[in-house]
PDB file of N, CA and C in Angstrom:
ATOM      1  N   MET A   1       0.821  -1.190   0.000  1.00  0.00           N
ATOM      2  CA  MET A   1       0.000   0.000   0.000  1.00  0.00           C
ATOM      3  C   MET A   1       0.866   1.255   0.000  1.00  0.00           C
ATOM      4  N   SER A   2       2.020   1.167   0.629  1.00  0.00           N
ATOM      5  CA  SER A   2       2.887   2.346   0.679  1.00  0.00           C
ATOM      6  C   SER A   2       3.569   2.606  -0.661  1.00  0.00           C
ATOM      7  N   HIS A   3       3.525   1.655  -1.582  1.00  0.00           N
ATOM      8  CA  HIS A   3       4.127   1.830  -2.905  1.00  0.00           C
ATOM      9  C   HIS A   3       3.082   1.799  -4.018  1.00  0.00           C
ATOM     10  N   ALA A   4       1.856   2.123  -3.677  1.00  0.00           N
ATOM     11  CA  ALA A   4       0.767   2.077  -4.655  1.00  0.00           C
ATOM     12  C   ALA A   4       1.039   3.019  -5.822  1.00  0.00           C
ATOM     13  N   HIS A   5       0.709   2.563  -7.015  1.00  0.00           N
ATOM     14  CA  HIS A   5       0.791   3.411  -8.204  1.00  0.00           C
ATOM     15  C   HIS A   5      -0.453   4.253  -8.349  1.00  0.00           C
ATOM     16  N   ALA A   6      -1.580   3.771  -7.800  1.00  0.00           N
ATOM     17  CA  ALA A   6      -2.836   4.512  -7.876  1.00  0.00           C
ATOM     18  C   ALA A   6      -3.663   4.214  -6.629  1.00  0.00           C
ATOM     19  N   ILE A   7      -4.362   5.234  -6.130  1.00  0.00           N
ATOM     20  CA  ILE A   7      -5.230   5.110  -4.959  1.00  0.00           C
ATOM     21  C   ILE A   7      -6.576   5.717  -5.324  1.00  0.00           C
ATOM     22  N   PHE A   8      -7.644   4.946  -5.059  1.00  0.00           N
ATOM     23  CA  PHE A   8      -8.992   5.388  -5.394  1.00  0.00           C
ATOM     24  C   PHE A   8      -9.847   5.368  -4.130  1.00  0.00           C
ATOM     25  N   PRO A   9      -9.965   6.534  -3.445  1.00  0.00           N
ATOM     26  CA  PRO A   9     -10.829   6.606  -2.265  1.00  0.00           C
ATOM     27  C   PRO A   9     -12.289   6.431  -2.691  1.00  0.00           C
ATOM     28  N   ASN A  10     -13.126   6.005  -1.778  1.00  0.00           N
ATOM     29  CA  ASN A  10     -14.553   5.816  -2.059  1.00  0.00           C
ATOM     30  C   ASN A  10     -14.754   4.925  -3.277  1.00  0.00           C
ATOM     31  N   PHE A  11     -14.017   3.826  -3.317  1.00  0.00           N
ATOM     32  CA  PHE A  11     -14.048   2.912  -4.454  1.00  0.00           C
ATOM     33  C   PHE A  11     -15.418   2.269  -4.644  1.00  0.00           C
ATOM     34  N   GLN A  12     -16.062   1.881  -3.556  1.00  0.00           N
ATOM     35  CA  GLN A  12     -17.378   1.240  -3.603  1.00  0.00           C
ATOM     36  C   GLN A  12     -18.227   1.785  -2.470  1.00  0.00           C
ATOM     37  N   ALA A  13     -19.492   1.397  -2.462  1.00  0.00           N
ATOM     38  CA  ALA A  13     -20.376   1.771  -1.354  1.00  0.00           C
ATOM     39  C   ALA A  13     -19.865   1.124  -0.067  1.00  0.00           C
ATOM     40  N   ALA A  14     -20.181   1.740   1.058  1.00  0.00           N
ATOM     41  CA  ALA A  14     -19.782   1.191   2.353  1.00  0.00           C
ATOM     42  C   ALA A  14     -20.314  -0.228   2.504  1.00  0.00           C
ATOM     43  N   ARG A  15     -19.519  -1.082   3.114  1.00  0.00           N
ATOM     44  CA  ARG A  15     -19.900  -2.480   3.317  1.00  0.00           C
ATOM     45  C   ARG A  15     -20.438  -2.676   4.727  1.00  0.00           C
ATOM     46  N   GLY A  16     -21.147  -3.774   4.914  1.00  0.00           N
ATOM     47  CA  GLY A  16     -21.767  -4.074   6.201  1.00  0.00           C
ATOM     48  C   GLY A  16     -20.827  -3.915   7.379  1.00  0.00           C
ATOM     49  N   GLY A  17     -21.291  -3.224   8.397  1.00  0.00           N
ATOM     50  CA  GLY A  17     -20.496  -3.040   9.597  1.00  0.00           C
ATOM     51  C   GLY A  17     -19.549  -1.853   9.555  1.00  0.00           C
ATOM     52  N   PHE A  18     -19.422  -1.208   8.406  1.00  0.00           N
ATOM     53  CA  PHE A  18     -18.534  -0.045   8.277  1.00  0.00           C
ATOM     54  C   PHE A  18     -19.340   1.160   7.812  1.00  0.00           C
ATOM     55  N   ASN A  19     -18.990   2.325   8.317  1.00  0.00           N
ATOM     56  CA  ASN A  19     -19.669   3.545   7.876  1.00  0.00           C
ATOM     57  C   ASN A  19     -18.823   4.332   6.881  1.00  0.00           C
ATOM     58  N   ARG A  20     -17.720   3.749   6.422  1.00  0.00           N
ATOM     59  CA  ARG A  20     -16.841   4.392   5.438  1.00  0.00           C
ATOM     60  C   ARG A  20     -16.780   3.530   4.183  1.00  0.00           C
ATOM     61  N   SER A  21     -16.596   4.189   3.051  1.00  0.00           N
ATOM     62  CA  SER A  21     -16.405   3.471   1.789  1.00  0.00           C
ATOM     63  C   SER A  21     -14.972   2.965   1.716  1.00  0.00           C
ATOM     64  N   PRO A  22     -14.756   1.811   1.086  1.00  0.00           N
ATOM     65  CA  PRO A  22     -13.397   1.283   0.990  1.00  0.00           C
ATOM     66  C   PRO A  22     -12.538   2.060  -0.012  1.00  0.00           C
ATOM     67  N   THR A  23     -11.244   1.995   0.192  1.00  0.00           N
ATOM     68  CA  THR A  23     -10.255   2.598  -0.690  1.00  0.00           C
ATOM     69  C   THR A  23      -9.564   1.479  -1.465  1.00  0.00           C
ATOM     70  N   LEU A  24      -9.365   1.707  -2.758  1.00  0.00           N
ATOM     71  CA  LEU A  24      -8.655   0.757  -3.620  1.00  0.00           C
ATOM     72  C   LEU A  24      -7.238   1.255  -3.830  1.00  0.00           C
ATOM     73  N   PHE A  25      -6.273   0.372  -3.594  1.00  0.00           N
ATOM     74  CA  PHE A  25      -4.870   0.646  -3.862  1.00  0.00           C
ATOM     75  C   PHE A  25      -4.429  -0.308  -4.969  1.00  0.00           C
ATOM     76  N   ILE A  26      -3.761   0.204  -5.997  1.00  0.00           N
ATOM     77  CA  ILE A  26      -3.217  -0.632  -7.066  1.00  0.00           C
ATOM     78  C   ILE A  26      -1.718  -0.413  -7.090  1.00  0.00           C
ATOM     79  N   GLY A  27      -0.971  -1.522  -7.057  1.00  0.00           N
ATOM     80  CA  GLY A  27       0.474  -1.366  -7.043  1.00  0.00           C
ATOM     81  C   GLY A  27       1.220  -2.649  -7.337  1.00  0.00           C
ATOM     82  N   PRO A  28       2.529  -2.529  -7.383  1.00  0.00           N
ATOM     83  CA  PRO A  28       3.381  -3.647  -7.797  1.00  0.00           C
ATOM     84  C   PRO A  28       3.605  -4.658  -6.674  1.00  0.00           C
ATOM     85  N   SER A  29       3.903  -5.867  -7.092  1.00  0.00           N
ATOM     86  CA  SER A  29       4.378  -6.907  -6.177  1.00  0.00           C
ATOM     87  C   SER A  29       5.403  -7.730  -6.937  1.00  0.00           C
ATOM     88  N   ARG A  30       5.981  -8.692  -6.291  1.00  0.00           N
ATOM     89  CA  ARG A  30       6.936  -9.578  -6.976  1.00  0.00           C
ATOM     90  C   ARG A  30       6.256 -10.414  -8.044  1.00  0.00           C
ATOM     91  N   TYR A  31       4.943 -10.554  -7.946  1.00  0.00           N
ATOM     92  CA  TYR A  31       4.214 -11.485  -8.807  1.00  0.00           C
ATOM     93  C   TYR A  31       3.249 -10.794  -9.759  1.00  0.00           C
ATOM     94  N   GLY A  32       3.388  -9.500  -9.949  1.00  0.00           N
ATOM     95  CA  GLY A  32       2.493  -8.758 -10.830  1.00  0.00           C
ATOM     96  C   GLY A  32       1.820  -7.625 -10.081  1.00  0.00           C
ATOM     97  N   THR A  33       0.806  -7.057 -10.676  1.00  0.00           N
ATOM     98  CA  THR A  33       0.098  -5.924 -10.087  1.00  0.00           C
ATOM     99  C   THR A  33      -1.003  -6.431  -9.163  1.00  0.00           C
ATOM    100  N   LEU A  34      -1.084  -5.814  -7.961  1.00  0.00           N
ATOM    101  CA  LEU A  34      -2.077  -6.207  -6.973  1.00  0.00           C
ATOM    102  C   LEU A  34      -3.154  -5.151  -6.817  1.00  0.00           C
ATOM    103  N   GLU A  35      -4.336  -5.606  -6.403  1.00  0.00           N
ATOM    104  CA  GLU A  35      -5.367  -4.699  -5.911  1.00  0.00           C
ATOM    105  C   GLU A  35      -5.536  -4.995  -4.429  1.00  0.00           C
ATOM    106  N   VAL A  36      -5.561  -3.941  -3.642  1.00  0.00           N
ATOM    107  CA  VAL A  36      -5.781  -4.041  -2.204  1.00  0.00           C
ATOM    108  C   VAL A  36      -6.975  -3.154  -1.890  1.00  0.00           C
ATOM    109  N   ILE A  37      -7.979  -3.721  -1.229  1.00  0.00           N
ATOM    110  CA  ILE A  37      -9.158  -2.944  -0.860  1.00  0.00           C
ATOM    111  C   ILE A  37      -9.221  -2.921   0.661  1.00  0.00           C
ATOM    112  N   ALA A  38      -9.346  -1.703   1.210  1.00  0.00           N
ATOM    113  CA  ALA A  38      -9.281  -1.527   2.654  1.00  0.00           C
ATOM    114  C   ALA A  38     -10.189  -0.395   3.104  1.00  0.00           C
ATOM    115  N   ILE A  39     -10.629  -0.490   4.344  1.00  0.00           N
ATOM    116  CA  ILE A  39     -11.316   0.618   5.008  1.00  0.00           C
ATOM    117  C   ILE A  39     -10.239   1.348   5.795  1.00  0.00           C
ATOM    118  N   VAL A  40     -10.054   2.628   5.506  1.00  0.00           N
ATOM    119  CA  VAL A  40      -9.031   3.437   6.169  1.00  0.00           C
ATOM    120  C   VAL A  40      -9.733   4.464   7.039  1.00  0.00           C
ATOM    121  N   THR A  41      -9.432   4.433   8.334  1.00  0.00           N
ATOM    122  CA  THR A  41      -9.996   5.393   9.277  1.00  0.00           C
ATOM    123  C   THR A  41      -8.837   6.124   9.932  1.00  0.00           C
ATOM    124  N   PRO A  42      -8.607   7.380   9.543  1.00  0.00           N
ATOM    125  CA  PRO A  42      -7.497   8.134  10.121  1.00  0.00           C
ATOM    126  C   PRO A  42      -7.649   8.249  11.637  1.00  0.00           C
ATOM    127  N   PRO A  43      -6.553   8.320  12.359  1.00  0.00           N
ATOM    128  CA  PRO A  43      -5.219   8.516  11.848  1.00  0.00           C
ATOM    129  C   PRO A  43      -4.481   7.220  11.509  1.00  0.00           C
ATOM    130  N   ALA A  44      -4.872   6.073  12.100  1.00  0.00           N
ATOM    131  CA  ALA A  44      -4.006   4.910  11.884  1.00  0.00           C
ATOM    132  C   ALA A  44      -4.748   3.576  11.796  1.00  0.00           C
ATOM    133  N   ASP A  45      -6.054   3.576  11.635  1.00  0.00           N
ATOM    134  CA  ASP A  45      -6.798   2.322  11.595  1.00  0.00           C
ATOM    135  C   ASP A  45      -7.017   1.893  10.146  1.00  0.00           C
ATOM    136  N   VAL A  46      -6.561   0.686   9.808  1.00  0.00           N
ATOM    137  CA  VAL A  46      -6.712   0.146   8.454  1.00  0.00           C
ATOM    138  C   VAL A  46      -7.248  -1.277   8.569  1.00  0.00           C
ATOM    139  N   HIS A  47      -8.355  -1.536   7.880  1.00  0.00           N
ATOM    140  CA  HIS A  47      -8.942  -2.877   7.851  1.00  0.00           C
ATOM    141  C   HIS A  47      -8.864  -3.381   6.417  1.00  0.00           C
ATOM    142  N   ILE A  48      -7.901  -4.251   6.132  1.00  0.00           N
ATOM    143  CA  ILE A  48      -7.720  -4.797   4.787  1.00  0.00           C
ATOM    144  C   ILE A  48      -8.602  -6.025   4.652  1.00  0.00           C
ATOM    145  N   PHE A  49      -9.439  -6.052   3.611  1.00  0.00           N
ATOM    146  CA  PHE A  49     -10.280  -7.224   3.437  1.00  0.00           C
ATOM    147  C   PHE A  49     -10.147  -7.879   2.080  1.00  0.00           C
ATOM    148  N   GLN A  50      -9.296  -7.351   1.204  1.00  0.00           N
ATOM    149  CA  GLN A  50      -9.045  -8.040  -0.065  1.00  0.00           C
ATOM    150  C   GLN A  50      -7.664  -7.688  -0.592  1.00  0.00           C
ATOM    151  N   VAL A  51      -6.906  -8.716  -0.945  1.00  0.00           N
ATOM    152  CA  VAL A  51      -5.614  -8.558  -1.618  1.00  0.00           C
ATOM    153  C   VAL A  51      -5.554  -9.656  -2.662  1.00  0.00           C
ATOM    154  N   MET A  52      -5.403  -9.266  -3.914  1.00  0.00           N
ATOM    155  CA  MET A  52      -5.334 -10.261  -4.985  1.00  0.00           C
ATOM    156  C   MET A  52      -4.742  -9.633  -6.234  1.00  0.00           C
ATOM    157  N   ALA A  53      -4.442 -10.472  -7.216  1.00  0.00           N
ATOM    158  CA  ALA A  53      -3.961  -9.956  -8.501  1.00  0.00           C
ATOM    159  C   ALA A  53      -5.026  -9.021  -9.072  1.00  0.00           C
ATOM    160  N   LEU A  54      -4.566  -7.945  -9.680  1.00  0.00           N
ATOM    161  CA  LEU A  54      -5.487  -6.959 -10.257  1.00  0.00           C
ATOM    162  C   LEU A  54      -6.356  -7.630 -11.318  1.00  0.00           C
ATOM    163  N   ARG A  55      -7.664  -7.599 -11.083  1.00  0.00           N
ATOM    164  CA  ARG A  55      -8.611  -8.187 -12.030  1.00  0.00           C
ATOM    165  C   ARG A  55      -8.890  -7.204 -13.164  1.00  0.00           C
ATOM    166  N   GLU A  56      -9.174  -7.739 -14.316  1.00  0.00           N
ATOM    167  CA  GLU A  56      -9.504  -6.907 -15.472  1.00  0.00           C
ATOM    168  C   GLU A  56     -10.745  -6.062 -15.188  1.00  0.00           C
ATOM    169  N   SER A  57     -11.718  -6.624 -14.481  1.00  0.00           N
ATOM    170  CA  SER A  57     -12.945  -5.866 -14.170  1.00  0.00           C
ATOM    171  C   SER A  57     -12.639  -4.658 -13.286  1.00  0.00           C
ATOM    172  N   THR A  58     -11.730  -4.812 -12.335  1.00  0.00           N
ATOM    173  CA  THR A  58     -11.340  -3.688 -11.481  1.00  0.00           C
ATOM    174  C   THR A  58     -10.567  -2.660 -12.298  1.00  0.00           C
ATOM    175  N   ARG A  59      -9.645  -3.127 -13.117  1.00  0.00           N
ATOM    176  CA  ARG A  59      -8.853  -2.232 -13.972  1.00  0.00           C
ATOM    177  C   ARG A  59      -9.778  -1.352 -14.820  1.00  0.00           C
ATOM    178  N   LYS A  60     -10.785  -1.968 -15.425  1.00  0.00           N
ATOM    179  CA  LYS A  60     -11.714  -1.220 -16.280  1.00  0.00           C
ATOM    180  C   LYS A  60     -12.600  -0.278 -15.471  1.00  0.00           C
ATOM    181  N   SER A  61     -13.034  -0.712 -14.280  1.00  0.00           N
ATOM    182  CA  SER A  61     -13.965   0.111 -13.490  1.00  0.00           C
ATOM    183  C   SER A  61     -13.341   1.430 -13.037  1.00  0.00           C
ATOM    184  N   VAL A  62     -12.015   1.468 -12.896  1.00  0.00           N
ATOM    185  CA  VAL A  62     -11.341   2.703 -12.474  1.00  0.00           C
ATOM    186  C   VAL A  62     -10.505   3.310 -13.597  1.00  0.00           C
ATOM    187  N   ASP A  63     -10.561   2.694 -14.778  1.00  0.00           N
ATOM    188  CA  ASP A  63      -9.833   3.174 -15.949  1.00  0.00           C
ATOM    189  C   ASP A  63      -8.334   3.278 -15.657  1.00  0.00           C
ATOM    190  N   TYR A  64      -7.781   2.198 -15.070  1.00  0.00           N
ATOM    191  CA  TYR A  64      -6.354   2.161 -14.736  1.00  0.00           C
ATOM    192  C   TYR A  64      -5.566   1.561 -15.872  1.00  0.00           C
ATOM    193  N   GLU A  65      -4.492   2.211 -16.243  1.00  0.00           N
ATOM    194  CA  GLU A  65      -3.564   1.698 -17.266  1.00  0.00           C
ATOM    195  C   GLU A  65      -2.234   1.383 -16.581  1.00  0.00           C
ATOM    196  N   GLU A  66      -1.659   0.251 -16.921  1.00  0.00           N
ATOM    197  CA  GLU A  66      -0.356  -0.127 -16.362  1.00  0.00           C
ATOM    198  C   GLU A  66       0.631   1.012 -16.607  1.00  0.00           C
ATOM    199  N   GLY A  67       1.386   1.356 -15.584  1.00  0.00           N
ATOM    200  CA  GLY A  67       2.340   2.456 -15.705  1.00  0.00           C
ATOM    201  C   GLY A  67       1.802   3.762 -15.138  1.00  0.00           C
ATOM    202  N   ASP A  68       0.463   3.824 -14.851  1.00  0.00           N
ATOM    203  CA  ASP A  68      -0.101   5.021 -14.223  1.00  0.00           C
ATOM    204  C   ASP A  68       0.552   5.214 -12.860  1.00  0.00           C
ATOM    205  N   GLN A  69       0.803   6.441 -12.493  1.00  0.00           N
ATOM    206  CA  GLN A  69       1.356   6.757 -11.178  1.00  0.00           C
ATOM    207  C   GLN A  69       0.532   7.881 -10.572  1.00  0.00           C
ATOM    208  N   SER A  70      -0.789   7.699 -10.501  1.00  0.00           N
ATOM    209  CA  SER A  70      -1.660   8.780  -9.979  1.00  0.00           C
ATOM    210  C   SER A  70      -1.995   8.611  -8.530  1.00  0.00           C
TER     211      SER A  70
END
């Protein structure tokens, strides 16, 4: 998450039990590009609930292109 190439706050509607929308982080790993979806509550609370290879559906939903550094 600290080396994300792109961060998308309010990625989806809030999920059950949380009053905040999740944030999507897209970034590199040793095995390809990852998507990490987490609920971030400042100053230091992070609840990660998904880490996996970047899916094509996620890539398209946020219009992410490999090499983006936004």
